[in-house]
Amino acid sequence: MIFGKVIGTVVSTVKDVNLNGKKLLLCREADHEGTLLQSYHVAVDAVGAGEGSFVLISYGSSARMTEETKNAPVDAVIMALIDDVQITHVIPRP
């Protein structure tokens, strides 16, 4: 799982039938504070996220374990909206 921020939508009129009705969102990876990183991903929205949402994204076979993504050719899913990240112990970077 990684943090991400929704930065846009992806529209596709021709796609696999198992993706019909699914909202595709363009996400940019983020750190725990919401600072945007370099990588971009297209993820199926399983929780009602929208542009600007700070989200938790799951990848690989785990992405196909939500009710929204069962039996769909999905490699990334937005599975949670993040309200807050609490860090109780900070390990300094080398």
C-alpha atoms as a PDB file:
ATOM      1  CA  MET A   1       0.000   0.000   0.000  1.00  0.00           C
ATOM      2  CA  ILE A   2       1.165   3.511  -0.704  1.00  0.00           C
ATOM      3  CA  PHE A   3      -0.054   7.048  -0.138  1.00  0.00           C
ATOM      4  CA  GLY A   4      -1.340   8.987  -3.109  1.00  0.00           C
ATOM      5  CA  LYS A   5      -3.181  12.123  -4.110  1.00  0.00           C
ATOM      6  CA  VAL A   6      -5.873  12.150  -6.772  1.00  0.00           C
ATOM      7  CA  ILE A   7      -4.883  14.666  -9.444  1.00  0.00           C
ATOM      8  CA  GLY A   8      -7.345  13.897 -12.228  1.00  0.00           C
ATOM      9  CA  THR A   9      -9.597  11.442 -14.009  1.00  0.00           C
ATOM     10  CA  VAL A  10      -9.058   9.022 -16.868  1.00  0.00           C
ATOM     11  CA  VAL A  11     -11.849   8.644 -19.435  1.00  0.00           C
ATOM     12  CA  SER A  12     -12.009   5.528 -21.606  1.00  0.00           C
ATOM     13  CA  THR A  13     -14.999   4.704 -23.771  1.00  0.00           C
ATOM     14  CA  VAL A  14     -13.531   1.470 -25.138  1.00  0.00           C
ATOM     15  CA  LYS A  15     -12.322  -0.910 -22.424  1.00  0.00           C
ATOM     16  CA  ASP A  16     -12.672  -4.410 -21.018  1.00  0.00           C
ATOM     17  CA  VAL A  17     -16.295  -5.149 -20.142  1.00  0.00           C
ATOM     18  CA  ASN A  18     -15.287  -5.782 -16.497  1.00  0.00           C
ATOM     19  CA  LEU A  19     -14.215  -2.133 -16.226  1.00  0.00           C
ATOM     20  CA  ASN A  20     -17.575  -0.739 -17.324  1.00  0.00           C
ATOM     21  CA  GLY A  21     -19.025   1.595 -14.701  1.00  0.00           C
ATOM     22  CA  LYS A  22     -15.759   1.897 -12.780  1.00  0.00           C
ATOM     23  CA  LYS A  23     -14.276   5.329 -12.103  1.00  0.00           C
ATOM     24  CA  LEU A  24     -10.629   5.581 -13.146  1.00  0.00           C
ATOM     25  CA  LEU A  25      -8.576   8.197 -11.314  1.00  0.00           C
ATOM     26  CA  LEU A  26      -5.097   9.516 -12.012  1.00  0.00           C
ATOM     27  CA  CYS A  27      -3.067   9.447  -8.812  1.00  0.00           C
ATOM     28  CA  ARG A  28       0.360  10.736  -7.964  1.00  0.00           C
ATOM     29  CA  GLU A  29       2.327   8.991  -5.248  1.00  0.00           C
ATOM     30  CA  ALA A  30       2.811  11.049  -2.084  1.00  0.00           C
ATOM     31  CA  ASP A  31       4.709  10.841   1.166  1.00  0.00           C
ATOM     32  CA  HIS A  32       3.033  10.585   4.590  1.00  0.00           C
ATOM     33  CA  GLU A  33       2.542  14.362   4.681  1.00  0.00           C
ATOM     34  CA  GLY A  34       0.858  14.483   1.276  1.00  0.00           C
ATOM     35  CA  THR A  35       3.871  15.926  -0.540  1.00  0.00           C
ATOM     36  CA  LEU A  36       3.711  14.755  -4.132  1.00  0.00           C
ATOM     37  CA  LEU A  37       6.358  12.391  -5.475  1.00  0.00           C
ATOM     38  CA  GLN A  38       7.296  11.550  -9.082  1.00  0.00           C
ATOM     39  CA  SER A  39       5.305   8.389  -9.915  1.00  0.00           C
ATOM     40  CA  TYR A  40       1.822   8.409 -11.444  1.00  0.00           C
ATOM     41  CA  HIS A  41      -0.752   5.607 -11.443  1.00  0.00           C
ATOM     42  CA  VAL A  42      -4.243   4.996 -12.773  1.00  0.00           C
ATOM     43  CA  ALA A  43      -6.396   3.381 -10.097  1.00  0.00           C
ATOM     44  CA  VAL A  44     -10.001   2.204  -9.876  1.00  0.00           C
ATOM     45  CA  ASP A  45     -11.902   4.132  -7.214  1.00  0.00           C
ATOM     46  CA  ALA A  46     -13.581   1.826  -4.684  1.00  0.00           C
ATOM     47  CA  VAL A  47     -14.395   4.451  -2.017  1.00  0.00           C
ATOM     48  CA  GLY A  48     -15.740   7.608  -3.654  1.00  0.00           C
ATOM     49  CA  ALA A  49     -12.494   9.569  -3.917  1.00  0.00           C
ATOM     50  CA  GLY A  50     -12.312  12.804  -5.873  1.00  0.00           C
ATOM     51  CA  GLU A  51      -9.757  15.237  -7.160  1.00  0.00           C
ATOM     52  CA  GLY A  52      -7.475  16.371  -4.338  1.00  0.00           C
ATOM     53  CA  SER A  53      -8.270  13.390  -2.080  1.00  0.00           C
ATOM     54  CA  PHE A  54      -5.390  11.962  -0.025  1.00  0.00           C
ATOM     55  CA  VAL A  55      -5.778   8.209  -0.505  1.00  0.00           C
ATOM     56  CA  LEU A  56      -4.365   4.778   0.191  1.00  0.00           C
ATOM     57  CA  ILE A  57      -3.670   2.726  -2.930  1.00  0.00           C
ATOM     58  CA  SER A  58      -3.180  -1.031  -3.149  1.00  0.00           C
ATOM     59  CA  TYR A  59      -1.438  -2.770  -6.040  1.00  0.00           C
ATOM     60  CA  GLY A  60      -1.161  -6.158  -7.660  1.00  0.00           C
ATOM     61  CA  SER A  61      -3.402  -9.070  -6.740  1.00  0.00           C
ATOM     62  CA  SER A  62      -4.608  -7.206  -3.624  1.00  0.00           C
ATOM     63  CA  ALA A  63      -6.143  -4.585  -5.910  1.00  0.00           C
ATOM     64  CA  ARG A  64      -8.657  -7.179  -7.098  1.00  0.00           C
ATOM     65  CA  MET A  65      -9.953  -7.997  -3.611  1.00  0.00           C
ATOM     66  CA  THR A  66     -12.486  -5.179  -3.182  1.00  0.00           C
ATOM     67  CA  GLU A  67     -16.173  -5.513  -4.053  1.00  0.00           C
ATOM     68  CA  GLU A  68     -15.641  -2.924  -6.797  1.00  0.00           C
ATOM     69  CA  THR A  69     -12.708  -4.725  -8.436  1.00  0.00           C
ATOM     70  CA  LYS A  70     -13.520  -8.442  -8.206  1.00  0.00           C
ATOM     71  CA  ASN A  71     -12.989 -10.214 -11.535  1.00  0.00           C
ATOM     72  CA  ALA A  72     -11.686  -7.047 -13.197  1.00  0.00           C
ATOM     73  CA  PRO A  73      -8.289  -6.561 -14.855  1.00  0.00           C
ATOM     74  CA  VAL A  74      -7.138  -4.109 -12.184  1.00  0.00           C
ATOM     75  CA  ASP A  75      -3.607  -3.528 -10.926  1.00  0.00           C
ATOM     76  CA  ALA A  76      -4.304  -0.513  -8.681  1.00  0.00           C
ATOM     77  CA  VAL A  77      -7.268   0.420  -6.497  1.00  0.00           C
ATOM     78  CA  ILE A  78      -8.034   3.347  -4.211  1.00  0.00           C
ATOM     79  CA  MET A  79      -9.224   1.508  -1.114  1.00  0.00           C
ATOM     80  CA  ALA A  80      -9.238   4.226   1.561  1.00  0.00           C
ATOM     81  CA  LEU A  81      -9.582   7.971   2.034  1.00  0.00           C
ATOM     82  CA  ILE A  82      -6.958   9.189   4.504  1.00  0.00           C
ATOM     83  CA  ASP A  83      -8.099  11.547   7.241  1.00  0.00           C
ATOM     84  CA  ASP A  84      -4.875  11.712   9.237  1.00  0.00           C
ATOM     85  CA  VAL A  85      -1.463  10.071   9.552  1.00  0.00           C
ATOM     86  CA  GLN A  86      -0.038   9.850  13.052  1.00  0.00           C
ATOM     87  CA  ILE A  87       3.646   9.056  13.507  1.00  0.00           C
ATOM     88  CA  THR A  88       4.752   8.307  17.046  1.00  0.00           C
ATOM     89  CA  HIS A  89       8.398   7.453  16.408  1.00  0.00           C
ATOM     90  CA  VAL A  90      10.582   9.170  13.852  1.00  0.00           C
ATOM     91  CA  ILE A  91      13.616   7.342  12.487  1.00  0.00           C
ATOM     92  CA  PRO A  92      16.149   9.788  11.028  1.00  0.00           C
ATOM     93  CA  ARG A  93      17.085   9.295   7.399  1.00  0.00           C
ATOM     94  CA  PRO A  94      20.691   8.284   6.702  1.00  0.00           C
END
